[in-house]
Amino acid sequence: MKNNKSYMLVANHTSMIDIMLMLYVSKNPFVFVGKKELEKIPLFGFFYKRVCILVDRDNLKSRVEVYKQVQHRLNQNLSICIFPEGGIPEKEVFLGKFKDGAFRIAITHKIPVIPIVFLDCKEHFPWEFFSGYPGTLAVQVENFKETAILETEDIRMLREEVRNSIYNTLKEKGIQS
């Protein structure tokens, strides 16, 4: 990643530790786009709503407002991070379906997409109490996906290309659901 250049960071979402890990992985400053309902979590929500662009996915006005806030952050040379699954999938889901938002933003603003694969966060830091184990977390940054020549009709293609890249890396590394 180049300094003073904006990117769309997208990753599979497997654990709450993914957020902290993304902060470690990206050397460029970025802002998360995340679901508004998380601001209700005590203490976490206090900080969350101050450092994220919040979206109420059930509210069209809120979704439109995200684009304005993203433009403002991109003008500040910040990158944007979205977990395109829209949340942490159920335990038995290997990789959830991706939503369009990250790819629509990337194409609209002509910023490259960087797929990032979190390989073992689910094992190290699962939702179940008293499970998981300490250790170094494995991450793989995939090849950038350029968007300079893409148009809005290419959103689905870009979304599936990025999802397939992450999915194939998980399979190649022997990650189990």
C-alpha atoms as a PDB file:
ATOM      1  CA  MET A   1       0.000   0.000   0.000  1.00  0.00           C
ATOM      2  CA  LYS A   2       1.177   3.471  -0.822  1.00  0.00           C
ATOM      3  CA  ASN A   3       1.035   6.313   1.682  1.00  0.00           C
ATOM      4  CA  ASN A   4      -1.511   9.054   0.968  1.00  0.00           C
ATOM      5  CA  LYS A   5      -3.573   6.722  -1.218  1.00  0.00           C
ATOM      6  CA  SER A   6      -6.998   5.418  -0.338  1.00  0.00           C
ATOM      7  CA  TYR A   7      -8.036   1.776  -0.562  1.00  0.00           C
ATOM      8  CA  MET A   8     -11.075  -0.359   0.157  1.00  0.00           C
ATOM      9  CA  LEU A   9     -10.002  -3.001   2.669  1.00  0.00           C
ATOM     10  CA  VAL A  10     -12.263  -6.064   2.746  1.00  0.00           C
ATOM     11  CA  ALA A  11     -11.822  -9.229   4.785  1.00  0.00           C
ATOM     12  CA  ASN A  12     -13.678 -12.292   5.916  1.00  0.00           C
ATOM     13  CA  HIS A  13     -15.219 -11.749   9.345  1.00  0.00           C
ATOM     14  CA  THR A  14     -14.783 -14.664  11.723  1.00  0.00           C
ATOM     15  CA  SER A  15     -14.233 -13.212  15.182  1.00  0.00           C
ATOM     16  CA  MET A  16     -14.344 -10.019  17.206  1.00  0.00           C
ATOM     17  CA  ILE A  17     -10.566  -9.972  17.119  1.00  0.00           C
ATOM     18  CA  ASP A  18     -10.733  -9.277  13.357  1.00  0.00           C
ATOM     19  CA  ILE A  19     -11.226  -5.587  14.101  1.00  0.00           C
ATOM     20  CA  MET A  20      -8.041  -5.351  16.166  1.00  0.00           C
ATOM     21  CA  LEU A  21      -6.140  -7.434  13.658  1.00  0.00           C
ATOM     22  CA  MET A  22      -7.179  -5.151  10.795  1.00  0.00           C
ATOM     23  CA  LEU A  23      -5.761  -2.204  12.735  1.00  0.00           C
ATOM     24  CA  TYR A  24      -2.462  -4.081  12.917  1.00  0.00           C
ATOM     25  CA  VAL A  25      -2.432  -5.276   9.284  1.00  0.00           C
ATOM     26  CA  SER A  26      -3.061  -1.944   7.587  1.00  0.00           C
ATOM     27  CA  LYS A  27      -0.238   0.521   7.848  1.00  0.00           C
ATOM     28  CA  ASN A  28      -2.397   3.176   6.153  1.00  0.00           C
ATOM     29  CA  PRO A  29      -4.959   5.017   8.274  1.00  0.00           C
ATOM     30  CA  PHE A  30      -8.531   3.905   7.636  1.00  0.00           C
ATOM     31  CA  VAL A  31     -12.044   4.087   9.003  1.00  0.00           C
ATOM     32  CA  PHE A  32     -14.478   1.214   9.443  1.00  0.00           C
ATOM     33  CA  VAL A  33     -17.996   1.219   8.074  1.00  0.00           C
ATOM     34  CA  GLY A  34     -20.060  -0.784  10.531  1.00  0.00           C
ATOM     35  CA  LYS A  35     -23.578  -1.545  11.638  1.00  0.00           C
ATOM     36  CA  LYS A  36     -25.252   1.078  13.755  1.00  0.00           C
ATOM     37  CA  GLU A  37     -26.737  -1.390  16.239  1.00  0.00           C
ATOM     38  CA  LEU A  38     -23.253  -2.078  17.675  1.00  0.00           C
ATOM     39  CA  GLU A  39     -23.188   1.398  19.210  1.00  0.00           C
ATOM     40  CA  LYS A  40     -25.596   0.048  21.888  1.00  0.00           C
ATOM     41  CA  ILE A  41     -22.960  -2.266  23.384  1.00  0.00           C
ATOM     42  CA  PRO A  42     -21.855  -0.803  26.717  1.00  0.00           C
ATOM     43  CA  LEU A  43     -18.407   0.816  26.650  1.00  0.00           C
ATOM     44  CA  PHE A  44     -17.530  -0.642  23.222  1.00  0.00           C
ATOM     45  CA  GLY A  45     -20.341   1.393  21.640  1.00  0.00           C
ATOM     46  CA  PHE A  46     -19.054   4.623  23.160  1.00  0.00           C
ATOM     47  CA  PHE A  47     -15.795   4.326  21.236  1.00  0.00           C
ATOM     48  CA  TYR A  48     -17.252   2.558  18.204  1.00  0.00           C
ATOM     49  CA  LYS A  49     -19.594   5.385  17.227  1.00  0.00           C
ATOM     50  CA  ARG A  50     -16.742   7.899  17.439  1.00  0.00           C
ATOM     51  CA  VAL A  51     -14.349   6.084  15.120  1.00  0.00           C
ATOM     52  CA  CYS A  52     -16.651   4.400  12.594  1.00  0.00           C
ATOM     53  CA  ILE A  53     -19.029   5.408   9.876  1.00  0.00           C
ATOM     54  CA  LEU A  54     -22.269   3.883  11.117  1.00  0.00           C
ATOM     55  CA  VAL A  55     -24.935   2.459   8.853  1.00  0.00           C
ATOM     56  CA  ASP A  56     -28.467   1.365   9.630  1.00  0.00           C
ATOM     57  CA  ARG A  57     -28.841  -1.239   6.903  1.00  0.00           C
ATOM     58  CA  ASP A  58     -32.640  -1.081   7.114  1.00  0.00           C
ATOM     59  CA  ASN A  59     -32.730   2.669   6.485  1.00  0.00           C
ATOM     60  CA  LEU A  60     -32.185   3.985   2.941  1.00  0.00           C
ATOM     61  CA  LYS A  61     -31.359   7.490   4.191  1.00  0.00           C
ATOM     62  CA  SER A  62     -28.647   6.053   6.459  1.00  0.00           C
ATOM     63  CA  ARG A  63     -27.147   4.018   3.600  1.00  0.00           C
ATOM     64  CA  VAL A  64     -27.065   7.124   1.370  1.00  0.00           C
ATOM     65  CA  GLU A  65     -25.442   9.141   4.169  1.00  0.00           C
ATOM     66  CA  VAL A  66     -22.627   6.561   4.339  1.00  0.00           C
ATOM     67  CA  TYR A  67     -21.564   7.533   0.810  1.00  0.00           C
ATOM     68  CA  LYS A  68     -21.270  11.195   1.832  1.00  0.00           C
ATOM     69  CA  GLN A  69     -19.221  10.305   4.905  1.00  0.00           C
ATOM     70  CA  VAL A  70     -17.007   7.974   2.869  1.00  0.00           C
ATOM     71  CA  GLN A  71     -16.329  10.757   0.346  1.00  0.00           C
ATOM     72  CA  HIS A  72     -15.310  13.063   3.193  1.00  0.00           C
ATOM     73  CA  ARG A  73     -12.888  10.455   4.593  1.00  0.00           C
ATOM     74  CA  LEU A  74     -11.446   9.671   1.153  1.00  0.00           C
ATOM     75  CA  ASN A  75     -10.796  13.397   0.684  1.00  0.00           C
ATOM     76  CA  GLN A  76      -8.664  13.130   3.841  1.00  0.00           C
ATOM     77  CA  ASN A  77      -6.629  10.315   2.184  1.00  0.00           C
ATOM     78  CA  LEU A  78      -8.079   7.698   4.521  1.00  0.00           C
ATOM     79  CA  SER A  79      -8.897   4.183   3.406  1.00  0.00           C
ATOM     80  CA  ILE A  80     -12.195   2.461   4.134  1.00  0.00           C
ATOM     81  CA  CYS A  81     -12.628  -0.961   5.747  1.00  0.00           C
ATOM     82  CA  ILE A  82     -15.768  -3.037   5.379  1.00  0.00           C
ATOM     83  CA  PHE A  83     -16.410  -6.643   6.318  1.00  0.00           C
ATOM     84  CA  PRO A  84     -18.631  -7.446   3.316  1.00  0.00           C
ATOM     85  CA  GLU A  85     -20.376 -10.372   4.999  1.00  0.00           C
ATOM     86  CA  GLY A  86     -22.225  -7.759   7.047  1.00  0.00           C
ATOM     87  CA  GLY A  87     -21.308  -9.360  10.353  1.00  0.00           C
ATOM     88  CA  ILE A  88     -19.811 -12.499  11.773  1.00  0.00           C
ATOM     89  CA  PRO A  89     -21.525 -15.486  10.157  1.00  0.00           C
ATOM     90  CA  GLU A  90     -22.902 -18.385  12.152  1.00  0.00           C
ATOM     91  CA  LYS A  91     -20.298 -20.848  13.415  1.00  0.00           C
ATOM     92  CA  GLU A  92     -21.104 -23.433  10.736  1.00  0.00           C
ATOM     93  CA  VAL A  93     -20.837 -20.913   7.853  1.00  0.00           C
ATOM     94  CA  PHE A  94     -17.435 -21.111   6.167  1.00  0.00           C
ATOM     95  CA  LEU A  95     -17.712 -17.780   4.319  1.00  0.00           C
ATOM     96  CA  GLY A  96     -20.946 -15.829   4.125  1.00  0.00           C
ATOM     97  CA  LYS A  97     -22.376 -14.084   1.093  1.00  0.00           C
ATOM     98  CA  PHE A  98     -20.887 -10.670   0.418  1.00  0.00           C
ATOM     99  CA  LYS A  99     -23.020  -7.547   0.276  1.00  0.00           C
ATOM    100  CA  ASP A 100     -22.521  -4.960  -2.480  1.00  0.00           C
ATOM    101  CA  GLY A 101     -21.673  -1.855  -0.410  1.00  0.00           C
ATOM    102  CA  ALA A 102     -17.876  -2.120  -0.302  1.00  0.00           C
ATOM    103  CA  PHE A 103     -17.671  -2.820  -4.020  1.00  0.00           C
ATOM    104  CA  ARG A 104     -20.128  -0.084  -4.965  1.00  0.00           C
ATOM    105  CA  ILE A 105     -18.057   2.415  -2.967  1.00  0.00           C
ATOM    106  CA  ALA A 106     -14.769   1.178  -4.464  1.00  0.00           C
ATOM    107  CA  ILE A 107     -16.064   1.437  -8.027  1.00  0.00           C
ATOM    108  CA  THR A 108     -17.803   4.780  -7.462  1.00  0.00           C
ATOM    109  CA  HIS A 109     -14.649   6.315  -5.991  1.00  0.00           C
ATOM    110  CA  LYS A 110     -12.202   4.381  -8.218  1.00  0.00           C
ATOM    111  CA  ILE A 111     -10.169   3.056  -5.305  1.00  0.00           C
ATOM    112  CA  PRO A 112      -8.456  -0.353  -5.387  1.00  0.00           C
ATOM    113  CA  VAL A 113      -9.919  -3.193  -3.328  1.00  0.00           C
ATOM    114  CA  ILE A 114      -7.521  -5.102  -1.089  1.00  0.00           C
ATOM    115  CA  PRO A 115      -8.852  -8.536  -0.107  1.00  0.00           C
ATOM    116  CA  ILE A 116      -7.489  -9.652   3.252  1.00  0.00           C
ATOM    117  CA  VAL A 117      -7.884 -13.208   4.529  1.00  0.00           C
ATOM    118  CA  PHE A 118      -8.025 -13.890   8.251  1.00  0.00           C
ATOM    119  CA  LEU A 119      -7.003 -17.527   8.386  1.00  0.00           C
ATOM    120  CA  ASP A 120      -7.370 -18.618  11.998  1.00  0.00           C
ATOM    121  CA  CYS A 121      -9.111 -15.975  14.098  1.00  0.00           C
ATOM    122  CA  LYS A 122     -12.161 -18.218  14.540  1.00  0.00           C
ATOM    123  CA  GLU A 123      -9.996 -20.898  16.163  1.00  0.00           C
ATOM    124  CA  HIS A 124      -7.990 -18.555  18.386  1.00  0.00           C
ATOM    125  CA  PHE A 125     -10.838 -16.320  19.501  1.00  0.00           C
ATOM    126  CA  PRO A 126     -14.225 -18.040  19.021  1.00  0.00           C
ATOM    127  CA  TRP A 127     -17.519 -16.877  20.487  1.00  0.00           C
ATOM    128  CA  GLU A 128     -17.675 -19.735  22.990  1.00  0.00           C
ATOM    129  CA  PHE A 129     -16.266 -18.937  26.419  1.00  0.00           C
ATOM    130  CA  PHE A 130     -13.314 -20.998  27.612  1.00  0.00           C
ATOM    131  CA  SER A 131     -12.387 -22.115  24.108  1.00  0.00           C
ATOM    132  CA  GLY A 132      -9.735 -20.984  21.670  1.00  0.00           C
ATOM    133  CA  TYR A 133      -6.047 -20.728  22.345  1.00  0.00           C
ATOM    134  CA  PRO A 134      -3.226 -18.162  22.317  1.00  0.00           C
ATOM    135  CA  GLY A 135      -0.809 -17.788  19.439  1.00  0.00           C
ATOM    136  CA  THR A 136       0.161 -15.762  16.409  1.00  0.00           C
ATOM    137  CA  LEU A 137      -2.721 -14.967  14.074  1.00  0.00           C
ATOM    138  CA  ALA A 138      -2.278 -15.741  10.375  1.00  0.00           C
ATOM    139  CA  VAL A 139      -3.299 -13.180   7.758  1.00  0.00           C
ATOM    140  CA  GLN A 140      -2.817 -13.131   4.006  1.00  0.00           C
ATOM    141  CA  VAL A 141      -3.143  -9.962   1.940  1.00  0.00           C
ATOM    142  CA  GLU A 142      -4.302 -10.813  -1.577  1.00  0.00           C
ATOM    143  CA  ASN A 143      -3.523  -9.002  -4.831  1.00  0.00           C
ATOM    144  CA  PHE A 144      -5.214  -5.638  -5.204  1.00  0.00           C
ATOM    145  CA  LYS A 145      -8.272  -5.418  -7.446  1.00  0.00           C
ATOM    146  CA  GLU A 146      -8.161  -2.252  -9.525  1.00  0.00           C
ATOM    147  CA  THR A 147     -11.424  -0.417 -10.120  1.00  0.00           C
ATOM    148  CA  ALA A 148     -10.310   2.450 -12.374  1.00  0.00           C
ATOM    149  CA  ILE A 149     -12.024   1.083 -15.480  1.00  0.00           C
ATOM    150  CA  LEU A 150     -14.999  -0.554 -13.746  1.00  0.00           C
ATOM    151  CA  GLU A 151     -18.547   0.794 -13.838  1.00  0.00           C
ATOM    152  CA  THR A 152     -21.511   0.227 -11.525  1.00  0.00           C
ATOM    153  CA  GLU A 153     -22.679  -2.714 -13.642  1.00  0.00           C
ATOM    154  CA  ASP A 154     -19.418  -4.462 -12.613  1.00  0.00           C
ATOM    155  CA  ILE A 155     -20.259  -4.496  -8.878  1.00  0.00           C
ATOM    156  CA  ARG A 156     -21.485  -8.100  -8.862  1.00  0.00           C
ATOM    157  CA  MET A 157     -18.446  -9.291 -10.837  1.00  0.00           C
ATOM    158  CA  LEU A 158     -15.991  -7.510  -8.513  1.00  0.00           C
ATOM    159  CA  ARG A 159     -17.841  -8.743  -5.421  1.00  0.00           C
ATOM    160  CA  GLU A 160     -17.683 -12.361  -6.582  1.00  0.00           C
ATOM    161  CA  GLU A 161     -14.052 -12.063  -7.718  1.00  0.00           C
ATOM    162  CA  VAL A 162     -13.016 -10.818  -4.269  1.00  0.00           C
ATOM    163  CA  ARG A 163     -15.152 -13.395  -2.444  1.00  0.00           C
ATOM    164  CA  ASN A 164     -13.707 -16.196  -4.597  1.00  0.00           C
ATOM    165  CA  SER A 165     -10.179 -14.966  -3.891  1.00  0.00           C
ATOM    166  CA  ILE A 166     -10.777 -15.103  -0.132  1.00  0.00           C
ATOM    167  CA  TYR A 167     -12.665 -18.409  -0.350  1.00  0.00           C
ATOM    168  CA  ASN A 168      -9.934 -20.077  -2.446  1.00  0.00           C
ATOM    169  CA  THR A 169      -7.181 -18.916  -0.094  1.00  0.00           C
ATOM    170  CA  LEU A 170      -9.073 -20.329   2.900  1.00  0.00           C
ATOM    171  CA  LYS A 171      -9.490 -23.662   1.085  1.00  0.00           C
ATOM    172  CA  GLU A 172      -5.850 -23.745  -0.126  1.00  0.00           C
ATOM    173  CA  LYS A 173      -4.636 -23.171   3.446  1.00  0.00           C
ATOM    174  CA  GLY A 174      -6.801 -26.041   4.676  1.00  0.00           C
ATOM    175  CA  ILE A 175      -9.073 -23.881   6.813  1.00  0.00           C
ATOM    176  CA  GLN A 176     -12.167 -25.756   7.972  1.00  0.00           C
ATOM    177  CA  SER A 177     -15.532 -24.222   8.707  1.00  0.00           C
END
